[in-house]
Each structure stands twice: as C-alpha cells, then as structure tokens.
Amino acid sequence: MEGAQGSYVARTPEEVFRDYRGRRAGMIKALTTDVEKFFQACDPDKENLCLYGLPTEQWDVALPAEEVPPEMPEPVLGINFARDGMDEKDWLALVAVHSDAWLLAVAFYFGARFGFDKEARRRLFNMINNLPTIYEVVTGTAKKQQMKEKTPNSSTKSSKPHPSKMSRVETKPTPRKDEEESGGGEEEEEEVEEEETKQKNHKRNNNINSSNKKRTRNEEDSEEEEEEQDNALCGSCGTKGANDEFWICCDLCERWFHGRCVKVTPAKAEHIKQYKCPDCTSIKRK
C-alpha cells in the first residue's frame, strides 16, 4: 500500500482490511510481547516519538514524517514524554487508545483515496469492528468479553429442571381430626377481626367528616371576611376606591383603610404584627 510505511497498493475493502490487520498486529506486539523493548525505545530525552504499525506485522518507534501536510495520517506525537510520568499500565493503555484511532484514520484514508462507496465503507467497517481493539487486548477487556459470551451457554445447561422434579406430583395433606375441631374457633376469630375492622373504619370516617366540617367553617369565615372587605368603606376617606387597591384592617376597631390614606404600603404591612389606625393610636395616647 502506498504511504510512508510500505509499498502495498490496496484497491478493495478486503485489501485495506489486510493492511489494517497487519498494522494492528504489529502495534499489539509492541504493547504486549515486546513491551520491554518498546518501553526502552520511548526515551523521554528524545524528541517527539510516534509508534508506527507496519503492514508486515512489525512496529517501529520513530520521528513523525517531515512533510507538511503528511502523505497519510500520522500517529499521536510525544508518547515518550508521558512514559515516566504515568503508571506503566495507564501509559500503555493511553498509547493503545491513540493507536486504535490512528488505525481507523489510516484505513478510511485509503477508503477515501480509492473512492469507496457507502457499501464498501460499510464492509470495511464491519470487518474492522469484528476484531477487538488494541485497547481491549492490552487492558484484558477482550478476554472478559469472551468469558461473558461463554457463560450464558453453561448457565442454561445448569438451569434445566431435573426429570424427577418435573414428574413430582403435589398432594394435599388430609386434614386431621383436631384441625377439623379447631375450625369453629378459627371462624370465631375471623368474626372478631371483621368487627374490629368495622369499628376502625367507622372511627376513620368520623375523623374525616369532622375535618371536612372544620375546613368548610374556615372557608365560610374567609368568605365572610372577603364580603366585609368588599362592602367596607375606608375609615379615613369614606370611599371604596379601586378594586385592586391595597387595604389594611385595624386590629382594634376592625375598620378597613386604604393603604394610601394611612400611609402604609404592602411591603411595610408585612412587618407590622398588630396594626392600629390613627384614631386608635391617638385614643391610646390620651
């Protein structure tokens, strides 16, 4: 394929997948079986290094291509700089994630270059998706997924009922004489329980009725207060005023006043515990 890492020329999705599979195998080798050699190759004192996977199932740690823009997608830069600053497993997992991204970029770069249509791209993706990712291989996730896929088969075998259990017939035990004699006592107990339940329901209904009566009384009182306020005249100016006008009631003489007439605003009224009109205030002073 044409590119910086080989001379193999791909024309079909299957050929691009073979290139993908070879590069993937090389990168997995670097992060698993050749991990010590790969670790030493990623010297933090060197410049930006990249992990390349080759179509020949080999790997290489080298500097990125000098061409700008490069002929084909480049791997992530500077993997060597993070080597000593992270736990080794975390570092290898990070390199694996970026390697997966690079492999997909290369594969679909060739797909675009060779003019793959929708069906060809779908075929290429399905072939790639059937393989575990490098990250899954390096972290052991691929083995766990394989174990999960195998466990349902074994569980279904063990969940089958035993033939002896299937053929077992349940028989009702015959009642004893003492149980028959005690049947009358059980009926009496059931009658007592029913009577207690009726009494409880009767008490509960009485409580509900009394609470409803209190509620209606409160509603009637509030309606009467509203009617009084609607029919009341201002104790200061002697008029009703506007419907939406603020009113305040004197707690001593129980007369209503316009807020503007007694110079009381709604905000000020919120802080007054017991309001006294000017007349009641002057009487108290005398």
C-alpha atoms as a PDB file:
ATOM      1  CA  MET A   1       0.000   0.000   0.000  1.00  0.00           C
ATOM      2  CA  GLU A   2       1.298   3.426  -0.835  1.00  0.00           C
ATOM      3  CA  GLY A   3       2.396   5.526   2.116  1.00  0.00           C
ATOM      4  CA  ALA A   4       5.245   6.235   4.421  1.00  0.00           C
ATOM      5  CA  GLN A   5       5.210   2.763   5.966  1.00  0.00           C
ATOM      6  CA  GLY A   6       5.010   0.405   2.944  1.00  0.00           C
ATOM      7  CA  SER A   7       4.589  -0.052  -0.779  1.00  0.00           C
ATOM      8  CA  TYR A   8       1.470  -2.294  -0.791  1.00  0.00           C
ATOM      9  CA  VAL A   9      -1.247  -0.979  -3.101  1.00  0.00           C
ATOM     10  CA  ALA A  10      -4.847  -1.537  -1.964  1.00  0.00           C
ATOM     11  CA  ARG A  11      -7.865  -1.438  -4.250  1.00  0.00           C
ATOM     12  CA  THR A  12     -10.667  -3.229  -2.399  1.00  0.00           C
ATOM     13  CA  PRO A  13     -12.015  -3.123   1.192  1.00  0.00           C
ATOM     14  CA  GLU A  14     -10.538  -6.574   1.788  1.00  0.00           C
ATOM     15  CA  GLU A  15      -7.062  -5.347   0.815  1.00  0.00           C
ATOM     16  CA  VAL A  16      -7.376  -2.271   3.043  1.00  0.00           C
ATOM     17  CA  PHE A  17      -8.501  -4.562   5.878  1.00  0.00           C
ATOM     18  CA  ARG A  18      -5.421  -6.749   5.383  1.00  0.00           C
ATOM     19  CA  ASP A  19      -3.277  -3.624   5.694  1.00  0.00           C
ATOM     20  CA  TYR A  20      -5.215  -2.639   8.850  1.00  0.00           C
ATOM     21  CA  ARG A  21      -4.827  -6.110  10.352  1.00  0.00           C
ATOM     22  CA  GLY A  22      -1.064  -6.191   9.721  1.00  0.00           C
ATOM     23  CA  ARG A  23      -0.510  -2.771  11.307  1.00  0.00           C
ATOM     24  CA  ARG A  24      -2.730  -3.720  14.245  1.00  0.00           C
ATOM     25  CA  ALA A  25      -0.795  -6.946  14.880  1.00  0.00           C
ATOM     26  CA  GLY A  26       2.495  -5.038  14.927  1.00  0.00           C
ATOM     27  CA  MET A  27       1.234  -2.464  17.439  1.00  0.00           C
ATOM     28  CA  ILE A  28      -0.248  -5.155  19.694  1.00  0.00           C
ATOM     29  CA  LYS A  29       3.138  -6.894  19.659  1.00  0.00           C
ATOM     30  CA  ALA A  30       4.839  -3.669  20.752  1.00  0.00           C
ATOM     31  CA  LEU A  31       2.440  -3.190  23.673  1.00  0.00           C
ATOM     32  CA  THR A  32       2.396  -6.832  24.866  1.00  0.00           C
ATOM     33  CA  THR A  33       5.126  -9.306  23.951  1.00  0.00           C
ATOM     34  CA  ASP A  34       7.751  -6.650  23.046  1.00  0.00           C
ATOM     35  CA  VAL A  35       6.717  -4.252  25.816  1.00  0.00           C
ATOM     36  CA  GLU A  36      10.188  -4.052  27.426  1.00  0.00           C
ATOM     37  CA  LYS A  37      11.828  -3.251  24.114  1.00  0.00           C
ATOM     38  CA  PHE A  38       9.085  -0.727  23.345  1.00  0.00           C
ATOM     39  CA  PHE A  39       9.495   0.881  26.778  1.00  0.00           C
ATOM     40  CA  GLN A  40      13.214   1.396  26.234  1.00  0.00           C
ATOM     41  CA  ALA A  41      12.661   2.779  22.729  1.00  0.00           C
ATOM     42  CA  CYS A  42      10.384   5.531  24.113  1.00  0.00           C
ATOM     43  CA  ASP A  43      13.198   7.544  25.697  1.00  0.00           C
ATOM     44  CA  PRO A  44      11.811  10.774  27.223  1.00  0.00           C
ATOM     45  CA  ASP A  45      15.088  12.573  26.455  1.00  0.00           C
ATOM     46  CA  LYS A  46      14.486  12.192  22.719  1.00  0.00           C
ATOM     47  CA  GLU A  47      12.265  14.378  20.553  1.00  0.00           C
ATOM     48  CA  ASN A  48       8.585  13.683  19.726  1.00  0.00           C
ATOM     49  CA  LEU A  49       8.315   9.960  19.013  1.00  0.00           C
ATOM     50  CA  CYS A  50       5.468   8.015  17.411  1.00  0.00           C
ATOM     51  CA  LEU A  51       4.505   4.336  17.424  1.00  0.00           C
ATOM     52  CA  TYR A  52       4.024   3.082  13.863  1.00  0.00           C
ATOM     53  CA  GLY A  53       2.357  -0.202  12.952  1.00  0.00           C
ATOM     54  CA  LEU A  54       3.639  -1.728   9.710  1.00  0.00           C
ATOM     55  CA  PRO A  55       1.624  -3.857   7.259  1.00  0.00           C
ATOM     56  CA  THR A  56       4.201  -6.607   7.806  1.00  0.00           C
ATOM     57  CA  GLU A  57       3.004  -7.071  11.424  1.00  0.00           C
ATOM     58  CA  GLN A  58       6.059  -5.220  12.754  1.00  0.00           C
ATOM     59  CA  TRP A  59       6.272  -1.981  14.736  1.00  0.00           C
ATOM     60  CA  ASP A  60       8.614   0.972  14.870  1.00  0.00           C
ATOM     61  CA  VAL A  61       9.164   3.951  17.173  1.00  0.00           C
ATOM     62  CA  ALA A  62      10.365   6.894  15.114  1.00  0.00           C
ATOM     63  CA  LEU A  63      10.026  10.614  14.491  1.00  0.00           C
ATOM     64  CA  PRO A  64       6.973  11.794  12.545  1.00  0.00           C
ATOM     65  CA  ALA A  65       7.089  12.493   8.828  1.00  0.00           C
ATOM     66  CA  GLU A  66       8.666  15.783   7.822  1.00  0.00           C
ATOM     67  CA  GLU A  67       6.163  16.521   5.059  1.00  0.00           C
ATOM     68  CA  VAL A  68       3.508  19.101   5.905  1.00  0.00           C
ATOM     69  CA  PRO A  69       0.825  18.023   5.416  1.00  0.00           C
ATOM     70  CA  PRO A  70       1.903  14.351   5.610  1.00  0.00           C
ATOM     71  CA  GLU A  71       1.065  11.929   2.816  1.00  0.00           C
ATOM     72  CA  MET A  72      -1.086   9.822   5.193  1.00  0.00           C
ATOM     73  CA  PRO A  73      -2.367  10.303   8.772  1.00  0.00           C
ATOM     74  CA  GLU A  74       0.320  10.327  11.449  1.00  0.00           C
ATOM     75  CA  PRO A  75       0.160   8.657  14.894  1.00  0.00           C
ATOM     76  CA  VAL A  76      -0.047  10.716  18.070  1.00  0.00           C
ATOM     77  CA  LEU A  77       3.132  12.631  18.892  1.00  0.00           C
ATOM     78  CA  GLY A  78       5.220  12.550  22.039  1.00  0.00           C
ATOM     79  CA  ILE A  79       4.306   9.200  23.562  1.00  0.00           C
ATOM     80  CA  ASN A  80       7.799   9.096  25.086  1.00  0.00           C
ATOM     81  CA  PHE A  81       7.259  12.272  27.144  1.00  0.00           C
ATOM     82  CA  ALA A  82       4.488  10.677  29.247  1.00  0.00           C
ATOM     83  CA  ARG A  83       6.337   7.401  29.872  1.00  0.00           C
ATOM     84  CA  ASP A  84       7.880   8.221  33.256  1.00  0.00           C
ATOM     85  CA  GLY A  85       5.080  10.481  34.453  1.00  0.00           C
ATOM     86  CA  MET A  86       2.386   7.776  34.496  1.00  0.00           C
ATOM     87  CA  ASP A  87       1.857   4.275  35.790  1.00  0.00           C
ATOM     88  CA  GLU A  88       3.116   1.833  33.153  1.00  0.00           C
ATOM     89  CA  LYS A  89      -0.279   0.147  32.661  1.00  0.00           C
ATOM     90  CA  ASP A  90      -2.024   3.505  32.288  1.00  0.00           C
ATOM     91  CA  TRP A  91       0.623   4.689  29.857  1.00  0.00           C
ATOM     92  CA  LEU A  92       0.310   1.558  27.701  1.00  0.00           C
ATOM     93  CA  ALA A  93      -3.497   1.895  27.740  1.00  0.00           C
ATOM     94  CA  LEU A  94      -3.189   5.521  26.609  1.00  0.00           C
ATOM     95  CA  VAL A  95      -0.881   4.561  23.748  1.00  0.00           C
ATOM     96  CA  ALA A  96      -3.306   1.752  22.808  1.00  0.00           C
ATOM     97  CA  VAL A  97      -6.271   4.161  22.576  1.00  0.00           C
ATOM     98  CA  HIS A  98      -4.356   6.528  20.301  1.00  0.00           C
ATOM     99  CA  SER A  99      -3.165   3.569  18.228  1.00  0.00           C
ATOM    100  CA  ASP A 100      -6.768   2.461  17.646  1.00  0.00           C
ATOM    101  CA  ALA A 101      -7.650   5.964  16.485  1.00  0.00           C
ATOM    102  CA  TRP A 102      -4.669   6.055  14.122  1.00  0.00           C
ATOM    103  CA  LEU A 103      -5.515   2.675  12.561  1.00  0.00           C
ATOM    104  CA  LEU A 104      -9.074   3.784  11.810  1.00  0.00           C
ATOM    105  CA  ALA A 105      -7.795   7.043  10.344  1.00  0.00           C
ATOM    106  CA  VAL A 106      -5.378   5.199   8.052  1.00  0.00           C
ATOM    107  CA  ALA A 107      -7.967   2.641   6.937  1.00  0.00           C
ATOM    108  CA  PHE A 108     -10.587   5.221   5.994  1.00  0.00           C
ATOM    109  CA  TYR A 109      -7.930   7.474   4.489  1.00  0.00           C
ATOM    110  CA  PHE A 110      -7.277   4.702   1.999  1.00  0.00           C
ATOM    111  CA  GLY A 111     -11.036   4.143   1.641  1.00  0.00           C
ATOM    112  CA  ALA A 112     -11.464   7.777   0.610  1.00  0.00           C
ATOM    113  CA  ARG A 113      -8.382   7.713  -1.581  1.00  0.00           C
ATOM    114  CA  PHE A 114      -9.595   4.690  -3.520  1.00  0.00           C
ATOM    115  CA  GLY A 115     -13.135   6.021  -3.813  1.00  0.00           C
ATOM    116  CA  PHE A 116     -15.033   3.528  -1.644  1.00  0.00           C
ATOM    117  CA  ASP A 117     -18.785   3.950  -1.860  1.00  0.00           C
ATOM    118  CA  LYS A 118     -21.233   3.541   1.026  1.00  0.00           C
ATOM    119  CA  GLU A 119     -21.409  -0.245   0.714  1.00  0.00           C
ATOM    120  CA  ALA A 120     -17.609  -0.616   0.509  1.00  0.00           C
ATOM    121  CA  ARG A 121     -17.115   1.603   3.575  1.00  0.00           C
ATOM    122  CA  ARG A 122     -19.723  -0.407   5.480  1.00  0.00           C
ATOM    123  CA  ARG A 123     -17.995  -3.655   4.537  1.00  0.00           C
ATOM    124  CA  LEU A 124     -14.632  -2.290   5.666  1.00  0.00           C
ATOM    125  CA  PHE A 125     -16.022  -1.078   8.983  1.00  0.00           C
ATOM    126  CA  ASN A 126     -17.765  -4.401   9.711  1.00  0.00           C
ATOM    127  CA  MET A 127     -14.530  -6.317   9.142  1.00  0.00           C
ATOM    128  CA  ILE A 128     -12.648  -3.939  11.456  1.00  0.00           C
ATOM    129  CA  ASN A 129     -15.408  -3.999  14.071  1.00  0.00           C
ATOM    130  CA  ASN A 130     -15.302  -7.791  14.315  1.00  0.00           C
ATOM    131  CA  LEU A 131     -11.767  -7.565  15.760  1.00  0.00           C
ATOM    132  CA  PRO A 132     -11.074  -6.472  19.353  1.00  0.00           C
ATOM    133  CA  THR A 133      -9.461  -3.059  19.628  1.00  0.00           C
ATOM    134  CA  ILE A 134      -5.848  -2.708  20.690  1.00  0.00           C
ATOM    135  CA  TYR A 135      -7.062  -1.121  23.924  1.00  0.00           C
ATOM    136  CA  GLU A 136      -9.258  -4.148  24.665  1.00  0.00           C
ATOM    137  CA  VAL A 137      -6.342  -6.507  24.062  1.00  0.00           C
ATOM    138  CA  VAL A 138      -3.835  -4.531  26.150  1.00  0.00           C
ATOM    139  CA  THR A 139      -6.180  -3.990  29.121  1.00  0.00           C
ATOM    140  CA  GLY A 140      -7.595  -7.532  29.079  1.00  0.00           C
ATOM    141  CA  THR A 141     -11.132  -6.389  28.272  1.00  0.00           C
ATOM    142  CA  ALA A 142     -11.293  -8.667  25.226  1.00  0.00           C
ATOM    143  CA  LYS A 143     -10.787 -11.798  27.365  1.00  0.00           C
ATOM    144  CA  LYS A 144     -13.500 -10.678  29.789  1.00  0.00           C
ATOM    145  CA  GLN A 145     -15.940 -10.186  26.919  1.00  0.00           C
ATOM    146  CA  GLN A 146     -15.165 -13.664  25.607  1.00  0.00           C
ATOM    147  CA  MET A 147     -15.818 -15.142  29.054  1.00  0.00           C
ATOM    148  CA  LYS A 148     -19.174 -13.338  29.254  1.00  0.00           C
ATOM    149  CA  GLU A 149     -20.165 -14.715  25.847  1.00  0.00           C
ATOM    150  CA  LYS A 150     -19.367 -18.258  27.007  1.00  0.00           C
ATOM    151  CA  THR A 151     -21.063 -18.136  30.409  1.00  0.00           C
ATOM    152  CA  PRO A 152     -24.709 -17.999  29.175  1.00  0.00           C
ATOM    153  CA  ASN A 153     -24.338 -21.432  27.487  1.00  0.00           C
ATOM    154  CA  SER A 154     -23.123 -23.071  30.683  1.00  0.00           C
ATOM    155  CA  SER A 155     -25.792 -21.390  32.783  1.00  0.00           C
ATOM    156  CA  THR A 156     -28.584 -22.602  30.526  1.00  0.00           C
ATOM    157  CA  LYS A 157     -27.468 -26.198  30.981  1.00  0.00           C
ATOM    158  CA  SER A 158     -27.487 -25.977  34.748  1.00  0.00           C
ATOM    159  CA  SER A 159     -30.848 -24.218  34.797  1.00  0.00           C
ATOM    160  CA  LYS A 160     -32.718 -27.150  33.256  1.00  0.00           C
ATOM    161  CA  PRO A 161     -35.015 -28.824  35.828  1.00  0.00           C
ATOM    162  CA  HIS A 162     -34.274 -32.383  36.887  1.00  0.00           C
ATOM    163  CA  PRO A 163     -36.622 -35.017  35.423  1.00  0.00           C
ATOM    164  CA  SER A 164     -37.526 -36.248  38.900  1.00  0.00           C
ATOM    165  CA  LYS A 165     -38.595 -32.721  39.889  1.00  0.00           C
ATOM    166  CA  MET A 166     -40.707 -32.368  36.751  1.00  0.00           C
ATOM    167  CA  SER A 167     -42.588 -35.609  37.373  1.00  0.00           C
ATOM    168  CA  ARG A 168     -43.234 -34.930  41.048  1.00  0.00           C
ATOM    169  CA  VAL A 169     -46.954 -34.553  41.862  1.00  0.00           C
ATOM    170  CA  GLU A 170     -48.022 -32.343  44.726  1.00  0.00           C
ATOM    171  CA  THR A 171     -50.565 -33.957  47.037  1.00  0.00           C
ATOM    172  CA  LYS A 172     -52.651 -32.065  49.525  1.00  0.00           C
ATOM    173  CA  PRO A 173     -52.358 -33.391  53.080  1.00  0.00           C
ATOM    174  CA  THR A 174     -55.530 -34.783  54.594  1.00  0.00           C
ATOM    175  CA  PRO A 175     -56.810 -32.694  57.492  1.00  0.00           C
ATOM    176  CA  ARG A 176     -56.537 -34.162  60.952  1.00  0.00           C
ATOM    177  CA  LYS A 177     -59.384 -34.502  63.387  1.00  0.00           C
ATOM    178  CA  ASP A 178     -58.031 -31.876  65.758  1.00  0.00           C
ATOM    179  CA  GLU A 179     -57.775 -29.429  62.861  1.00  0.00           C
ATOM    180  CA  GLU A 180     -61.407 -30.075  61.945  1.00  0.00           C
ATOM    181  CA  GLU A 181     -62.438 -29.457  65.538  1.00  0.00           C
ATOM    182  CA  SER A 182     -60.474 -26.205  65.654  1.00  0.00           C
ATOM    183  CA  GLY A 183     -62.215 -24.922  62.524  1.00  0.00           C
ATOM    184  CA  GLY A 184     -65.015 -23.393  64.590  1.00  0.00           C
ATOM    185  CA  GLY A 185     -62.520 -21.440  66.703  1.00  0.00           C
ATOM    186  CA  GLU A 186     -60.890 -20.000  63.601  1.00  0.00           C
ATOM    187  CA  GLU A 187     -64.272 -18.806  62.312  1.00  0.00           C
ATOM    188  CA  GLU A 188     -64.911 -17.008  65.608  1.00  0.00           C
ATOM    189  CA  GLU A 189     -61.543 -15.277  65.392  1.00  0.00           C
ATOM    190  CA  GLU A 190     -62.315 -14.132  61.846  1.00  0.00           C
ATOM    191  CA  GLU A 191     -65.620 -12.644  63.015  1.00  0.00           C
ATOM    192  CA  VAL A 192     -63.848 -10.720  65.808  1.00  0.00           C
ATOM    193  CA  GLU A 193     -61.297  -9.367  63.347  1.00  0.00           C
ATOM    194  CA  GLU A 194     -64.078  -8.246  60.982  1.00  0.00           C
ATOM    195  CA  GLU A 195     -65.841  -6.433  63.830  1.00  0.00           C
ATOM    196  CA  GLU A 196     -62.628  -4.640  64.837  1.00  0.00           C
ATOM    197  CA  THR A 197     -62.039  -3.613  61.225  1.00  0.00           C
ATOM    198  CA  LYS A 198     -65.553  -2.153  61.004  1.00  0.00           C
ATOM    199  CA  GLN A 199     -65.005  -0.138  64.172  1.00  0.00           C
ATOM    200  CA  LYS A 200     -61.706   1.241  62.884  1.00  0.00           C
ATOM    201  CA  ASN A 201     -63.315   2.244  59.585  1.00  0.00           C
ATOM    202  CA  HIS A 202     -66.167   3.932  61.473  1.00  0.00           C
ATOM    203  CA  LYS A 203     -63.722   5.991  63.560  1.00  0.00           C
ATOM    204  CA  ARG A 204     -61.746   6.944  60.485  1.00  0.00           C
ATOM    205  CA  ASN A 205     -64.885   8.109  58.675  1.00  0.00           C
ATOM    206  CA  ASN A 206     -65.866  10.214  61.705  1.00  0.00           C
ATOM    207  CA  ASN A 207     -62.437  11.857  61.736  1.00  0.00           C
ATOM    208  CA  ILE A 208     -62.687  12.620  58.024  1.00  0.00           C
ATOM    209  CA  ASN A 209     -66.156  14.125  58.448  1.00  0.00           C
ATOM    210  CA  SER A 210     -65.044  16.319  61.363  1.00  0.00           C
ATOM    211  CA  SER A 211     -62.017  17.570  59.413  1.00  0.00           C
ATOM    212  CA  ASN A 212     -64.240  18.363  56.425  1.00  0.00           C
ATOM    213  CA  LYS A 213     -66.601  20.329  58.688  1.00  0.00           C
ATOM    214  CA  LYS A 214     -63.680  22.372  60.073  1.00  0.00           C
ATOM    215  CA  ARG A 215     -62.476  23.048  56.565  1.00  0.00           C
ATOM    216  CA  THR A 216     -65.883  24.296  55.445  1.00  0.00           C
ATOM    217  CA  ARG A 217     -66.117  26.557  58.514  1.00  0.00           C
ATOM    218  CA  ASN A 218     -62.752  28.106  57.734  1.00  0.00           C
ATOM    219  CA  GLU A 219     -63.780  28.619  54.129  1.00  0.00           C
ATOM    220  CA  GLU A 220     -67.031  30.266  55.226  1.00  0.00           C
ATOM    221  CA  ASP A 221     -65.176  32.588  57.631  1.00  0.00           C
ATOM    222  CA  SER A 222     -62.765  33.630  54.891  1.00  0.00           C
ATOM    223  CA  GLU A 223     -65.652  34.270  52.504  1.00  0.00           C
ATOM    224  CA  GLU A 224     -67.370  36.436  55.117  1.00  0.00           C
ATOM    225  CA  GLU A 225     -64.183  38.441  55.602  1.00  0.00           C
ATOM    226  CA  GLU A 226     -63.911  38.960  51.864  1.00  0.00           C
ATOM    227  CA  GLU A 227     -67.529  40.124  51.685  1.00  0.00           C
ATOM    228  CA  GLU A 228     -66.952  42.539  54.574  1.00  0.00           C
ATOM    229  CA  GLN A 229     -63.899  43.929  52.831  1.00  0.00           C
ATOM    230  CA  ASP A 230     -65.799  44.313  49.546  1.00  0.00           C
ATOM    231  CA  ASN A 231     -68.669  46.188  51.241  1.00  0.00           C
ATOM    232  CA  ALA A 232     -66.465  48.212  53.598  1.00  0.00           C
ATOM    233  CA  LEU A 233     -65.742  51.904  53.213  1.00  0.00           C
ATOM    234  CA  CYS A 234     -62.387  53.425  54.015  1.00  0.00           C
ATOM    235  CA  GLY A 235     -62.377  54.657  57.626  1.00  0.00           C
ATOM    236  CA  SER A 236     -60.365  57.673  56.548  1.00  0.00           C
ATOM    237  CA  CYS A 237     -61.794  58.902  53.211  1.00  0.00           C
ATOM    238  CA  GLY A 238     -65.184  57.150  53.345  1.00  0.00           C
ATOM    239  CA  THR A 239     -64.971  55.677  49.807  1.00  0.00           C
ATOM    240  CA  LYS A 240     -64.462  52.205  48.350  1.00  0.00           C
ATOM    241  CA  GLY A 241     -61.698  53.113  45.932  1.00  0.00           C
ATOM    242  CA  ALA A 242     -60.357  50.856  43.171  1.00  0.00           C
ATOM    243  CA  ASN A 243     -60.875  47.077  43.245  1.00  0.00           C
ATOM    244  CA  ASP A 244     -57.158  46.268  43.121  1.00  0.00           C
ATOM    245  CA  GLU A 245     -56.219  48.852  45.729  1.00  0.00           C
ATOM    246  CA  PHE A 246     -54.301  47.822  48.868  1.00  0.00           C
ATOM    247  CA  TRP A 247     -56.346  47.810  52.120  1.00  0.00           C
ATOM    248  CA  ILE A 248     -55.357  47.287  55.743  1.00  0.00           C
ATOM    249  CA  CYS A 249     -57.586  46.499  58.726  1.00  0.00           C
ATOM    250  CA  CYS A 250     -57.159  47.933  62.218  1.00  0.00           C
ATOM    251  CA  ASP A 251     -56.745  45.148  64.792  1.00  0.00           C
ATOM    252  CA  LEU A 252     -58.517  47.209  67.499  1.00  0.00           C
ATOM    253  CA  CYS A 253     -61.562  48.823  65.859  1.00  0.00           C
ATOM    254  CA  GLU A 254     -61.625  46.357  62.909  1.00  0.00           C
ATOM    255  CA  ARG A 255     -62.202  49.136  60.382  1.00  0.00           C
ATOM    256  CA  TRP A 256     -60.672  48.988  56.902  1.00  0.00           C
ATOM    257  CA  PHE A 257     -58.458  51.710  55.486  1.00  0.00           C
ATOM    258  CA  HIS A 258     -56.859  52.421  52.140  1.00  0.00           C
ATOM    259  CA  GLY A 259     -53.119  51.956  52.436  1.00  0.00           C
ATOM    260  CA  ARG A 260     -52.552  55.316  50.759  1.00  0.00           C
ATOM    261  CA  CYS A 261     -54.852  57.044  53.276  1.00  0.00           C
ATOM    262  CA  VAL A 262     -52.935  55.813  56.334  1.00  0.00           C
ATOM    263  CA  LYS A 263     -49.558  55.853  54.540  1.00  0.00           C
ATOM    264  CA  VAL A 264     -48.971  52.082  54.781  1.00  0.00           C
ATOM    265  CA  THR A 265     -47.521  50.174  51.823  1.00  0.00           C
ATOM    266  CA  PRO A 266     -47.849  46.391  51.254  1.00  0.00           C
ATOM    267  CA  ALA A 267     -44.137  45.970  51.980  1.00  0.00           C
ATOM    268  CA  LYS A 268     -44.463  47.899  55.248  1.00  0.00           C
ATOM    269  CA  ALA A 269     -47.559  45.922  56.254  1.00  0.00           C
ATOM    270  CA  GLU A 270     -45.614  42.651  56.136  1.00  0.00           C
ATOM    271  CA  HIS A 271     -43.503  43.823  59.100  1.00  0.00           C
ATOM    272  CA  ILE A 272     -46.470  45.055  61.214  1.00  0.00           C
ATOM    273  CA  LYS A 273     -47.593  42.453  63.771  1.00  0.00           C
ATOM    274  CA  GLN A 274     -50.615  44.442  65.071  1.00  0.00           C
ATOM    275  CA  TYR A 275     -51.848  47.415  63.089  1.00  0.00           C
ATOM    276  CA  LYS A 276     -53.533  50.356  64.898  1.00  0.00           C
ATOM    277  CA  CYS A 277     -55.287  53.018  62.865  1.00  0.00           C
ATOM    278  CA  PRO A 278     -54.530  56.714  63.563  1.00  0.00           C
ATOM    279  CA  ASP A 279     -57.765  57.091  65.622  1.00  0.00           C
ATOM    280  CA  CYS A 280     -56.997  54.132  67.891  1.00  0.00           C
ATOM    281  CA  THR A 281     -53.418  55.296  68.285  1.00  0.00           C
ATOM    282  CA  SER A 282     -54.495  58.793  69.376  1.00  0.00           C
ATOM    283  CA  ILE A 283     -57.083  57.366  71.847  1.00  0.00           C
ATOM    284  CA  LYS A 284     -54.440  55.219  73.488  1.00  0.00           C
ATOM    285  CA  ARG A 285     -52.112  58.173  73.869  1.00  0.00           C
ATOM    286  CA  LYS A 286     -54.794  60.199  75.662  1.00  0.00           C
END
